[in-house]
């Protein structure tokens, strides 16, 4: 028998299967780290975030970028969820870390769940 200590799946505002299926919540209950790759939806999702009005409005409300909002969405779902965004520049890396300080309300999270997939 092997202890499972982490699970890695694609998870973002545009790919919510692991959330809807209950996998993220199960991992939290079992104290298993859920590692979310492509947390901003990959190259295409990264661009989509800039085009949709709902994330723009919510980012403005929280004084952050839409990309920080996408990371905050995941970080607010579970304390056992670790998004792993790619970054080629130090400023983006710093902005990604700053997303850890954004607290979203239940209403904010519900609104983000309604984005077209």
N, C-alpha and C. Protein backbone atom coordinates (compact mmCIF):
# COMPACT_ATOMS: atom_id res chain seq x y z
N UNK A 1 0.85 -1.18 0.00
CA UNK A 1 0.00 0.00 0.00
C UNK A 1 0.89 1.24 0.00
N UNK A 2 0.45 2.26 -0.72
CA UNK A 2 1.20 3.50 -0.84
C UNK A 2 0.32 4.65 -0.39
N UNK A 3 0.88 5.55 0.39
CA UNK A 3 0.16 6.76 0.79
C UNK A 3 0.18 7.76 -0.36
N UNK A 4 -0.97 8.30 -0.68
CA UNK A 4 -1.07 9.34 -1.70
C UNK A 4 -0.90 10.68 -0.99
N UNK A 5 0.09 11.46 -1.41
CA UNK A 5 0.33 12.75 -0.76
C UNK A 5 -0.04 13.93 -1.65
N UNK A 6 -0.18 13.68 -2.96
CA UNK A 6 -0.58 14.76 -3.85
C UNK A 6 -1.24 14.21 -5.11
N UNK A 7 -2.06 15.07 -5.70
CA UNK A 7 -2.73 14.79 -6.97
C UNK A 7 -2.48 16.01 -7.84
N UNK A 8 -2.16 15.78 -9.11
CA UNK A 8 -1.94 16.91 -10.01
C UNK A 8 -2.89 16.77 -11.20
N UNK A 9 -3.75 17.77 -11.38
CA UNK A 9 -4.70 17.82 -12.49
C UNK A 9 -4.79 19.24 -13.02
N UNK A 10 -5.26 19.34 -14.25
CA UNK A 10 -5.56 20.66 -14.81
C UNK A 10 -6.75 21.22 -14.05
N UNK A 11 -6.66 22.47 -13.65
CA UNK A 11 -7.75 23.11 -12.91
C UNK A 11 -7.63 24.61 -13.07
N UNK A 12 -8.71 25.25 -13.48
CA UNK A 12 -8.72 26.70 -13.69
C UNK A 12 -10.17 27.17 -13.74
N UNK A 13 -10.36 28.44 -13.98
CA UNK A 13 -11.70 28.98 -14.16
C UNK A 13 -12.42 28.31 -15.32
N UNK A 14 -11.66 27.83 -16.30
CA UNK A 14 -12.24 27.23 -17.49
C UNK A 14 -12.26 25.71 -17.45
N UNK A 15 -11.55 25.12 -16.52
CA UNK A 15 -11.52 23.66 -16.37
C UNK A 15 -11.81 23.34 -14.91
N UNK A 16 -13.10 23.14 -14.63
CA UNK A 16 -13.55 22.98 -13.24
C UNK A 16 -13.96 21.54 -12.91
N UNK A 17 -13.62 20.59 -13.76
CA UNK A 17 -14.03 19.20 -13.55
C UNK A 17 -13.60 18.67 -12.17
N UNK A 18 -12.38 18.96 -11.77
CA UNK A 18 -11.88 18.47 -10.47
C UNK A 18 -12.61 19.11 -9.30
N UNK A 19 -13.16 20.30 -9.52
CA UNK A 19 -13.91 20.98 -8.47
C UNK A 19 -15.33 20.42 -8.42
N UNK A 20 -15.99 20.41 -9.57
CA UNK A 20 -17.38 19.96 -9.66
C UNK A 20 -17.52 18.49 -9.25
N UNK A 21 -16.55 17.68 -9.60
CA UNK A 21 -16.61 16.25 -9.26
C UNK A 21 -16.39 15.98 -7.78
N UNK A 22 -15.89 16.97 -7.06
CA UNK A 22 -15.63 16.78 -5.64
C UNK A 22 -14.21 16.34 -5.33
N UNK A 23 -13.38 16.20 -6.35
CA UNK A 23 -12.00 15.75 -6.13
C UNK A 23 -11.21 16.72 -5.25
N UNK A 24 -11.33 18.01 -5.52
CA UNK A 24 -10.60 19.00 -4.72
C UNK A 24 -11.05 18.92 -3.26
N UNK A 25 -12.34 18.82 -3.03
CA UNK A 25 -12.86 18.74 -1.67
C UNK A 25 -12.42 17.44 -0.98
N UNK A 26 -12.42 16.34 -1.73
CA UNK A 26 -11.96 15.07 -1.17
C UNK A 26 -10.49 15.17 -0.75
N UNK A 27 -9.67 15.76 -1.61
CA UNK A 27 -8.26 15.92 -1.29
C UNK A 27 -8.09 16.76 -0.01
N UNK A 28 -8.89 17.79 0.13
CA UNK A 28 -8.79 18.61 1.34
C UNK A 28 -9.15 17.78 2.58
N UNK A 29 -10.25 17.05 2.50
CA UNK A 29 -10.66 16.22 3.64
C UNK A 29 -9.61 15.17 3.99
N UNK A 30 -8.98 14.60 2.96
CA UNK A 30 -7.99 13.54 3.17
C UNK A 30 -6.58 14.09 3.41
N UNK A 31 -6.47 15.41 3.41
CA UNK A 31 -5.16 16.08 3.57
C UNK A 31 -4.17 15.67 2.49
N UNK A 32 -4.68 15.65 1.27
CA UNK A 32 -3.86 15.36 0.09
C UNK A 32 -3.71 16.67 -0.68
N UNK A 33 -2.49 17.02 -1.01
CA UNK A 33 -2.24 18.25 -1.76
C UNK A 33 -2.79 18.10 -3.18
N UNK A 34 -3.60 19.07 -3.61
CA UNK A 34 -4.09 19.11 -4.98
C UNK A 34 -3.27 20.16 -5.72
N UNK A 35 -2.51 19.74 -6.71
CA UNK A 35 -1.67 20.64 -7.49
C UNK A 35 -2.39 20.94 -8.80
N UNK A 36 -2.69 22.21 -9.01
CA UNK A 36 -3.43 22.63 -10.20
C UNK A 36 -2.46 23.16 -11.25
N UNK A 37 -2.32 22.39 -12.36
CA UNK A 37 -1.49 22.91 -13.43
C UNK A 37 -2.37 23.64 -14.45
N UNK A 38 -1.76 24.52 -15.21
CA UNK A 38 -2.49 25.43 -16.11
C UNK A 38 -3.58 26.17 -15.35
N UNK A 39 -3.24 26.79 -14.21
CA UNK A 39 -4.27 27.42 -13.39
C UNK A 39 -4.91 28.67 -14.01
N UNK A 40 -4.32 29.15 -15.09
CA UNK A 40 -4.93 30.28 -15.80
C UNK A 40 -5.51 29.83 -17.13
N UNK A 41 -5.62 28.52 -17.31
CA UNK A 41 -6.25 27.98 -18.49
C UNK A 41 -5.32 27.76 -19.66
N UNK A 42 -4.01 27.80 -19.43
CA UNK A 42 -3.08 27.66 -20.54
C UNK A 42 -3.04 28.92 -21.38
N UNK A 43 -2.37 28.84 -22.49
CA UNK A 43 -2.20 30.04 -23.33
C UNK A 43 -3.55 30.62 -23.77
N UNK A 44 -4.47 29.77 -24.19
CA UNK A 44 -5.78 30.26 -24.67
C UNK A 44 -6.61 30.83 -23.52
N UNK A 45 -6.64 30.15 -22.39
CA UNK A 45 -7.39 30.64 -21.23
C UNK A 45 -6.81 31.92 -20.68
N UNK A 46 -5.50 32.01 -20.71
CA UNK A 46 -4.81 33.22 -20.26
C UNK A 46 -5.32 34.43 -21.03
N UNK A 47 -5.48 34.27 -22.34
CA UNK A 47 -6.00 35.36 -23.17
C UNK A 47 -7.50 35.58 -22.96
N UNK A 48 -8.26 34.49 -22.78
CA UNK A 48 -9.71 34.61 -22.56
C UNK A 48 -10.02 35.44 -21.33
N UNK A 49 -9.20 35.29 -20.29
CA UNK A 49 -9.44 36.06 -19.08
C UNK A 49 -9.45 37.55 -19.36
N UNK A 50 -8.64 37.98 -20.30
CA UNK A 50 -8.56 39.40 -20.65
C UNK A 50 -9.76 39.88 -21.44
N UNK A 51 -10.49 38.94 -22.06
CA UNK A 51 -11.59 39.29 -22.95
C UNK A 51 -12.96 39.28 -22.28
N UNK A 52 -13.11 38.56 -21.18
CA UNK A 52 -14.42 38.42 -20.55
C UNK A 52 -14.71 39.57 -19.58
N UNK A 53 -15.93 40.13 -19.61
CA UNK A 53 -16.23 41.28 -18.76
C UNK A 53 -16.33 40.95 -17.26
N UNK A 54 -16.81 39.74 -16.91
CA UNK A 54 -17.00 39.42 -15.49
C UNK A 54 -15.68 39.41 -14.72
N UNK A 55 -14.63 38.72 -15.21
CA UNK A 55 -13.37 38.77 -14.48
C UNK A 55 -12.77 40.17 -14.40
N UNK A 56 -12.94 40.96 -15.46
CA UNK A 56 -12.42 42.32 -15.44
C UNK A 56 -13.08 43.13 -14.34
N UNK A 57 -14.39 43.04 -14.23
CA UNK A 57 -15.13 43.80 -13.21
C UNK A 57 -14.75 43.34 -11.80
N UNK A 58 -14.64 42.04 -11.62
CA UNK A 58 -14.30 41.51 -10.30
C UNK A 58 -12.85 41.84 -9.94
N UNK A 59 -11.96 41.82 -10.91
CA UNK A 59 -10.56 42.20 -10.65
C UNK A 59 -10.49 43.66 -10.23
N UNK A 60 -11.27 44.49 -10.89
CA UNK A 60 -11.30 45.91 -10.52
C UNK A 60 -11.81 46.07 -9.09
N UNK A 61 -12.85 45.35 -8.74
CA UNK A 61 -13.41 45.39 -7.38
C UNK A 61 -12.35 45.04 -6.34
N UNK A 62 -11.49 44.07 -6.65
CA UNK A 62 -10.47 43.60 -5.70
C UNK A 62 -9.11 44.25 -5.93
N UNK A 63 -9.04 45.23 -6.81
CA UNK A 63 -7.79 45.94 -7.12
C UNK A 63 -6.65 44.99 -7.48
N UNK A 64 -6.95 44.10 -8.41
CA UNK A 64 -5.94 43.15 -8.85
C UNK A 64 -6.07 42.94 -10.35
N UNK A 65 -5.17 42.17 -10.92
CA UNK A 65 -5.27 41.85 -12.34
C UNK A 65 -6.21 40.65 -12.53
N UNK A 66 -6.67 40.44 -13.74
CA UNK A 66 -7.53 39.28 -13.99
C UNK A 66 -6.76 37.97 -13.79
N UNK A 67 -5.46 38.01 -14.04
CA UNK A 67 -4.65 36.81 -13.83
C UNK A 67 -4.51 36.51 -12.33
N UNK A 68 -4.33 37.54 -11.52
CA UNK A 68 -4.31 37.34 -10.08
C UNK A 68 -5.65 36.81 -9.60
N UNK A 69 -6.72 37.30 -10.19
CA UNK A 69 -8.07 36.84 -9.84
C UNK A 69 -8.23 35.36 -10.15
N UNK A 70 -7.73 34.92 -11.31
CA UNK A 70 -7.80 33.51 -11.67
C UNK A 70 -7.07 32.62 -10.67
N UNK A 71 -5.93 33.07 -10.18
CA UNK A 71 -5.21 32.32 -9.15
C UNK A 71 -5.94 32.37 -7.82
N UNK A 72 -6.46 33.55 -7.48
CA UNK A 72 -7.19 33.70 -6.21
C UNK A 72 -8.42 32.80 -6.19
N UNK A 73 -9.07 32.64 -7.33
CA UNK A 73 -10.22 31.74 -7.43
C UNK A 73 -9.85 30.36 -6.90
N UNK A 74 -8.74 29.81 -7.39
CA UNK A 74 -8.31 28.49 -6.95
C UNK A 74 -7.87 28.49 -5.49
N UNK A 75 -7.12 29.49 -5.10
CA UNK A 75 -6.61 29.56 -3.73
C UNK A 75 -7.73 29.68 -2.71
N UNK A 76 -8.84 30.28 -3.11
CA UNK A 76 -9.97 30.44 -2.19
C UNK A 76 -10.86 29.21 -2.11
N UNK A 77 -10.64 28.25 -2.99
CA UNK A 77 -11.45 27.03 -2.97
C UNK A 77 -11.02 26.04 -1.90
N UNK A 78 -9.71 25.97 -1.64
CA UNK A 78 -9.21 24.97 -0.70
C UNK A 78 -7.83 25.37 -0.21
N UNK A 79 -7.57 25.12 1.06
CA UNK A 79 -6.24 25.38 1.60
C UNK A 79 -5.24 24.32 1.13
N UNK A 80 -5.74 23.23 0.58
CA UNK A 80 -4.87 22.16 0.08
C UNK A 80 -4.62 22.25 -1.42
N UNK A 81 -5.00 23.35 -2.03
CA UNK A 81 -4.84 23.51 -3.47
C UNK A 81 -3.65 24.42 -3.75
N UNK A 82 -2.75 23.95 -4.58
CA UNK A 82 -1.55 24.70 -4.95
C UNK A 82 -1.53 24.90 -6.46
N UNK A 83 -1.83 26.13 -6.92
CA UNK A 83 -1.72 26.38 -8.36
C UNK A 83 -0.25 26.54 -8.74
N UNK A 84 0.11 26.06 -9.91
CA UNK A 84 1.50 26.21 -10.37
C UNK A 84 1.51 26.94 -11.73
N UNK A 85 1.39 28.26 -11.67
CA UNK A 85 1.40 29.04 -12.91
C UNK A 85 2.83 29.15 -13.46
N UNK A 86 2.93 29.15 -14.76
CA UNK A 86 4.22 29.38 -15.39
C UNK A 86 4.52 30.87 -15.39
N UNK A 87 5.78 31.21 -15.40
CA UNK A 87 6.15 32.62 -15.44
C UNK A 87 7.55 32.75 -16.03
N UNK A 88 7.67 33.69 -16.93
CA UNK A 88 8.98 33.93 -17.54
C UNK A 88 9.60 35.22 -17.04
N UNK A 89 8.85 35.96 -16.25
CA UNK A 89 9.41 37.23 -15.83
C UNK A 89 9.18 37.46 -14.33
N UNK A 90 10.17 38.05 -13.67
CA UNK A 90 10.09 38.22 -12.21
C UNK A 90 8.89 39.04 -11.75
N UNK A 91 8.49 40.04 -12.51
CA UNK A 91 7.33 40.85 -12.12
C UNK A 91 6.06 40.01 -12.09
N UNK A 92 5.91 39.12 -13.06
CA UNK A 92 4.73 38.24 -13.09
C UNK A 92 4.77 37.27 -11.91
N UNK A 93 5.95 36.79 -11.58
CA UNK A 93 6.09 35.89 -10.44
C UNK A 93 5.66 36.58 -9.15
N UNK A 94 6.08 37.81 -8.98
CA UNK A 94 5.69 38.58 -7.79
C UNK A 94 4.18 38.78 -7.78
N UNK A 95 3.60 39.12 -8.92
CA UNK A 95 2.14 39.31 -9.01
C UNK A 95 1.42 38.01 -8.67
N UNK A 96 1.95 36.87 -9.13
CA UNK A 96 1.34 35.58 -8.81
C UNK A 96 1.33 35.34 -7.30
N UNK A 97 2.42 35.64 -6.64
CA UNK A 97 2.50 35.45 -5.19
C UNK A 97 1.51 36.39 -4.48
N UNK A 98 1.36 37.59 -4.99
CA UNK A 98 0.43 38.55 -4.38
C UNK A 98 -1.02 38.07 -4.44
N UNK A 99 -1.33 37.18 -5.35
CA UNK A 99 -2.69 36.63 -5.45
C UNK A 99 -3.08 35.88 -4.18
N UNK A 100 -2.11 35.44 -3.40
CA UNK A 100 -2.41 34.72 -2.16
C UNK A 100 -3.12 35.61 -1.15
N UNK A 101 -3.03 36.92 -1.31
CA UNK A 101 -3.65 37.85 -0.37
C UNK A 101 -5.05 38.30 -0.78
N UNK A 102 -5.60 37.75 -1.83
CA UNK A 102 -6.93 38.16 -2.32
C UNK A 102 -7.98 37.21 -1.77
N UNK A 103 -8.92 37.76 -1.02
CA UNK A 103 -10.01 36.97 -0.46
C UNK A 103 -11.27 37.22 -1.26
N UNK A 104 -11.83 36.15 -1.80
CA UNK A 104 -13.06 36.25 -2.59
C UNK A 104 -14.25 35.78 -1.76
N UNK A 105 -15.36 36.45 -1.92
CA UNK A 105 -16.58 36.06 -1.22
C UNK A 105 -17.23 34.87 -1.92
N UNK A 106 -18.19 34.25 -1.25
CA UNK A 106 -18.94 33.16 -1.88
C UNK A 106 -19.64 33.66 -3.15
N UNK A 107 -20.14 34.88 -3.12
CA UNK A 107 -20.80 35.45 -4.30
C UNK A 107 -19.80 35.63 -5.44
N UNK A 108 -18.58 36.06 -5.12
CA UNK A 108 -17.54 36.19 -6.15
C UNK A 108 -17.24 34.83 -6.78
N UNK A 109 -17.09 33.81 -5.95
CA UNK A 109 -16.78 32.46 -6.45
C UNK A 109 -17.91 31.93 -7.32
N UNK A 110 -19.16 32.15 -6.89
CA UNK A 110 -20.30 31.70 -7.70
C UNK A 110 -20.33 32.37 -9.05
N UNK A 111 -20.04 33.67 -9.07
CA UNK A 111 -20.04 34.40 -10.32
C UNK A 111 -18.94 33.87 -11.25
N UNK A 112 -17.78 33.57 -10.71
CA UNK A 112 -16.70 33.04 -11.53
C UNK A 112 -17.01 31.65 -12.08
N UNK A 113 -17.78 30.87 -11.33
CA UNK A 113 -18.20 29.55 -11.81
C UNK A 113 -19.12 29.64 -13.01
N UNK A 114 -19.76 30.80 -13.23
CA UNK A 114 -20.69 30.93 -14.34
C UNK A 114 -20.00 31.32 -15.65
N UNK A 115 -18.69 31.47 -15.65
CA UNK A 115 -18.00 31.82 -16.88
C UNK A 115 -18.18 30.72 -17.92
N UNK A 116 -18.28 31.10 -19.19
CA UNK A 116 -18.40 30.07 -20.23
C UNK A 116 -17.15 29.19 -20.24
N UNK A 117 -17.36 27.90 -20.36
CA UNK A 117 -16.23 26.95 -20.33
C UNK A 117 -15.65 26.72 -21.69
